[in-house]
Amino acid sequence: MAPWHEALRTFRRRSLQDNHETSDVMFVLCSENHAAAAVLASLEPAIVLQTFGGARAPSEASTRSAFEYAIGLKGVRRVVVCGHLGCQAVALDDGADARTATQADVVAQCRTLRQDARIGGLLADHRVSLHAIWFDAREGDVYACDIEGRAATLMSDEDFGRLTASSGKPSP
């Protein structure tokens, strides 16, 4: 982990180099998903919505506003919903496998976003792609979760890079 002074130096360097580019990627993650937050902090600037449980409540005003801002005003074209092992927002039945349950939950969050009248409409109207990924901080792995319900697959560094890369387009 980089010391705070190095992180601040990087922030200042990026700020001075800022040519008002914005990311066309929005990340939605749980506030307790420290692994995803750390990875995303190392990427170029991106739009991040971080709430307890991620995209669990798309009808909340703050969640809808974040999507309207990101898609409608900033031109986001890719939304990546991030789940994680050990998510406290996922209720586990006795004997349930935490891995399976939390992977299924991130897929369910994507489906909920699609079904929400306002957010689903934004996604469709602006041709925004929706993706689900899942972090296993204990193993250091990231999985792509298929929104249609097929098995999650381990992502290579290249796969992750392609999914999270921004086009670096100018800010509207």
Protein backbone atom coordinates (compact mmCIF):
# COMPACT_ATOMS: atom_id res chain seq x y z
CA MET A 1 0.00 0.00 0.00
CA ALA A 2 1.31 3.42 -0.92
CA PRO A 3 1.88 5.85 1.93
CA TRP A 4 -0.56 8.76 2.10
CA HIS A 5 2.02 11.26 0.92
CA GLU A 6 2.58 9.24 -2.27
CA ALA A 7 -1.17 9.04 -2.87
CA LEU A 8 -1.47 12.79 -2.37
CA ARG A 9 1.44 13.40 -4.76
CA THR A 10 -0.30 11.25 -7.40
CA PHE A 11 -3.55 13.15 -6.86
CA ARG A 12 -1.81 16.49 -7.31
CA ARG A 13 0.04 15.33 -10.43
CA ARG A 14 -3.18 14.06 -11.99
CA SER A 15 -4.99 17.29 -11.06
CA LEU A 16 -2.34 19.40 -12.75
CA GLN A 17 -2.50 17.19 -15.85
CA ASP A 18 -6.32 17.14 -15.86
CA ASN A 19 -7.60 18.12 -19.27
CA HIS A 20 -11.23 17.76 -18.17
CA GLU A 21 -11.55 14.20 -19.35
CA THR A 22 -14.12 12.08 -17.66
CA SER A 23 -14.66 8.38 -17.43
CA ASP A 24 -17.35 6.65 -19.40
CA VAL A 25 -17.41 3.93 -16.72
CA MET A 26 -19.47 4.01 -13.53
CA PHE A 27 -18.76 1.63 -10.67
CA VAL A 28 -21.42 0.68 -8.14
CA LEU A 29 -20.13 -1.00 -5.01
CA CYS A 30 -20.90 -1.76 -1.41
CA SER A 31 -19.44 0.61 1.15
CA GLU A 32 -17.82 -2.31 2.94
CA ASN A 33 -16.15 -3.60 -0.24
CA HIS A 34 -12.67 -2.38 0.65
CA ALA A 35 -10.95 -4.55 -1.96
CA ALA A 36 -12.90 -3.00 -4.83
CA ALA A 37 -12.49 0.50 -3.40
CA ALA A 38 -8.72 0.06 -3.24
CA VAL A 39 -8.53 -1.27 -6.80
CA LEU A 40 -10.76 1.48 -8.16
CA ALA A 41 -8.75 4.16 -6.37
CA SER A 42 -5.71 3.07 -8.38
CA LEU A 43 -7.51 3.57 -11.71
CA GLU A 44 -7.87 6.78 -13.62
CA PRO A 45 -10.73 8.97 -12.41
CA ALA A 46 -14.09 7.22 -12.56
CA ILE A 47 -17.60 7.78 -11.33
CA VAL A 48 -18.23 5.67 -8.22
CA LEU A 49 -21.47 5.09 -6.34
CA GLN A 50 -20.72 3.46 -3.01
CA THR A 51 -23.60 2.53 -0.68
CA PHE A 52 -24.26 -0.26 1.78
CA GLY A 53 -25.22 -3.21 -0.39
CA GLY A 54 -24.35 -1.53 -3.70
CA ALA A 55 -27.30 -1.20 -6.11
CA ARG A 56 -29.74 -2.87 -3.76
CA ALA A 57 -32.16 0.09 -3.61
CA PRO A 58 -32.37 1.78 -7.03
CA SER A 59 -35.54 3.63 -6.02
CA GLU A 60 -33.66 5.71 -3.43
CA ALA A 61 -33.30 9.30 -4.56
CA SER A 62 -29.52 9.36 -4.10
CA THR A 63 -29.05 6.22 -6.20
CA ARG A 64 -31.29 7.48 -8.98
CA SER A 65 -29.62 10.87 -8.93
CA ALA A 66 -26.19 9.27 -9.23
CA PHE A 67 -27.31 7.30 -12.30
CA GLU A 68 -28.98 10.32 -13.87
CA TYR A 69 -25.83 12.38 -13.34
CA ALA A 70 -23.45 9.69 -14.59
CA ILE A 71 -25.42 8.60 -17.64
CA GLY A 72 -27.40 11.70 -18.53
CA LEU A 73 -24.82 14.39 -17.82
CA LYS A 74 -21.40 12.71 -17.90
CA GLY A 75 -22.04 10.27 -20.73
CA VAL A 76 -21.29 7.00 -18.94
CA ARG A 77 -21.59 4.07 -21.35
CA ARG A 78 -20.65 1.19 -19.03
CA VAL A 79 -21.93 0.44 -15.53
CA VAL A 80 -20.00 -2.12 -13.47
CA VAL A 81 -21.75 -3.42 -10.35
CA CYS A 82 -19.20 -4.85 -7.90
CA GLY A 83 -20.05 -7.52 -5.35
CA HIS A 84 -17.82 -9.14 -2.78
CA LEU A 85 -17.38 -12.17 -0.59
CA GLY A 86 -18.64 -11.56 2.94
CA CYS A 87 -21.12 -8.82 2.08
CA GLN A 88 -23.13 -8.09 5.21
CA ALA A 89 -26.06 -6.85 3.12
CA VAL A 90 -26.62 -10.40 1.84
CA ALA A 91 -28.76 -12.45 4.20
CA LEU A 92 -27.50 -16.02 4.29
CA ASP A 93 -29.78 -18.93 5.10
CA ASP A 94 -28.40 -21.61 7.40
CA GLY A 95 -25.93 -23.69 5.47
CA ALA A 96 -25.85 -21.30 2.49
CA ASP A 97 -22.59 -20.95 0.61
CA ALA A 98 -21.42 -17.33 1.00
CA ARG A 99 -19.58 -17.39 -2.32
CA THR A 100 -22.61 -18.54 -4.30
CA ALA A 101 -25.00 -16.24 -2.41
CA THR A 102 -22.93 -13.09 -2.85
CA GLN A 103 -22.26 -13.81 -6.54
CA ALA A 104 -25.99 -14.35 -7.08
CA ASP A 105 -26.67 -11.10 -5.24
CA VAL A 106 -24.53 -8.95 -7.54
CA VAL A 107 -26.36 -10.47 -10.53
CA ALA A 108 -29.70 -9.75 -8.82
CA GLN A 109 -28.61 -6.12 -8.32
CA CYS A 110 -28.04 -5.79 -12.08
CA ARG A 111 -31.43 -7.27 -12.84
CA THR A 112 -33.03 -4.88 -10.35
CA LEU A 113 -31.37 -1.93 -12.06
CA ARG A 114 -32.68 -3.09 -15.44
CA GLN A 115 -36.20 -3.48 -14.03
CA ASP A 116 -36.32 -0.08 -12.32
CA ALA A 117 -38.41 2.25 -14.50
CA ARG A 118 -36.09 5.25 -14.36
CA ILE A 119 -32.67 3.59 -14.19
CA GLY A 120 -33.63 0.79 -16.59
CA GLY A 121 -34.91 3.45 -18.96
CA LEU A 122 -31.65 5.39 -18.75
CA LEU A 123 -29.65 2.23 -19.42
CA ALA A 124 -31.77 1.39 -22.49
CA ASP A 125 -32.15 4.93 -23.87
CA HIS A 126 -28.42 5.67 -23.71
CA ARG A 127 -27.30 2.16 -24.76
CA VAL A 128 -25.35 1.64 -21.56
CA SER A 129 -23.86 -1.81 -21.00
CA LEU A 130 -24.30 -3.35 -17.57
CA HIS A 131 -21.74 -5.69 -16.00
CA ALA A 132 -21.39 -7.59 -12.73
CA ILE A 133 -18.06 -8.42 -11.13
CA TRP A 134 -17.30 -10.04 -7.80
CA PHE A 135 -14.24 -9.64 -5.56
CA ASP A 136 -12.73 -12.35 -3.38
CA ALA A 137 -10.32 -10.32 -1.23
CA ARG A 138 -9.00 -13.42 0.55
CA GLU A 139 -7.74 -14.93 -2.70
CA GLY A 140 -7.10 -11.68 -4.57
CA ASP A 141 -9.42 -12.74 -7.39
CA VAL A 142 -12.05 -10.93 -9.43
CA TYR A 143 -14.81 -12.80 -11.26
CA ALA A 144 -17.09 -11.74 -14.09
CA CYS A 145 -20.64 -12.71 -13.16
CA ASP A 146 -22.94 -13.37 -16.07
CA ILE A 147 -26.15 -11.36 -15.64
CA GLU A 148 -28.11 -14.09 -17.39
CA GLY A 149 -27.20 -16.47 -14.59
CA ARG A 150 -24.42 -18.60 -16.02
CA ALA A 151 -21.41 -19.37 -13.85
CA ALA A 152 -18.98 -16.67 -12.77
CA THR A 153 -15.59 -16.80 -14.47
CA LEU A 154 -12.22 -15.72 -13.12
CA MET A 155 -11.06 -12.53 -14.84
CA SER A 156 -7.55 -12.14 -16.14
CA ASP A 157 -5.75 -8.84 -15.62
CA GLU A 158 -6.37 -8.09 -19.30
CA ASP A 159 -10.11 -8.83 -19.01
CA PHE A 160 -10.36 -6.54 -15.99
CA GLY A 161 -8.40 -3.84 -17.79
CA ARG A 162 -10.67 -3.95 -20.83
CA LEU A 163 -13.81 -3.80 -18.71
CA THR A 164 -12.67 -0.91 -16.54
CA ALA A 165 -10.81 1.16 -19.14
CA SER A 166 -12.28 4.53 -19.98
CA SER A 167 -12.22 6.00 -23.43
CA GLY A 168 -10.91 9.24 -21.89
CA LYS A 169 -13.50 11.31 -23.71
CA PRO A 170 -13.79 15.02 -22.97
CA SER A 171 -16.27 15.96 -20.27
CA PRO A 172 -19.62 17.21 -21.65
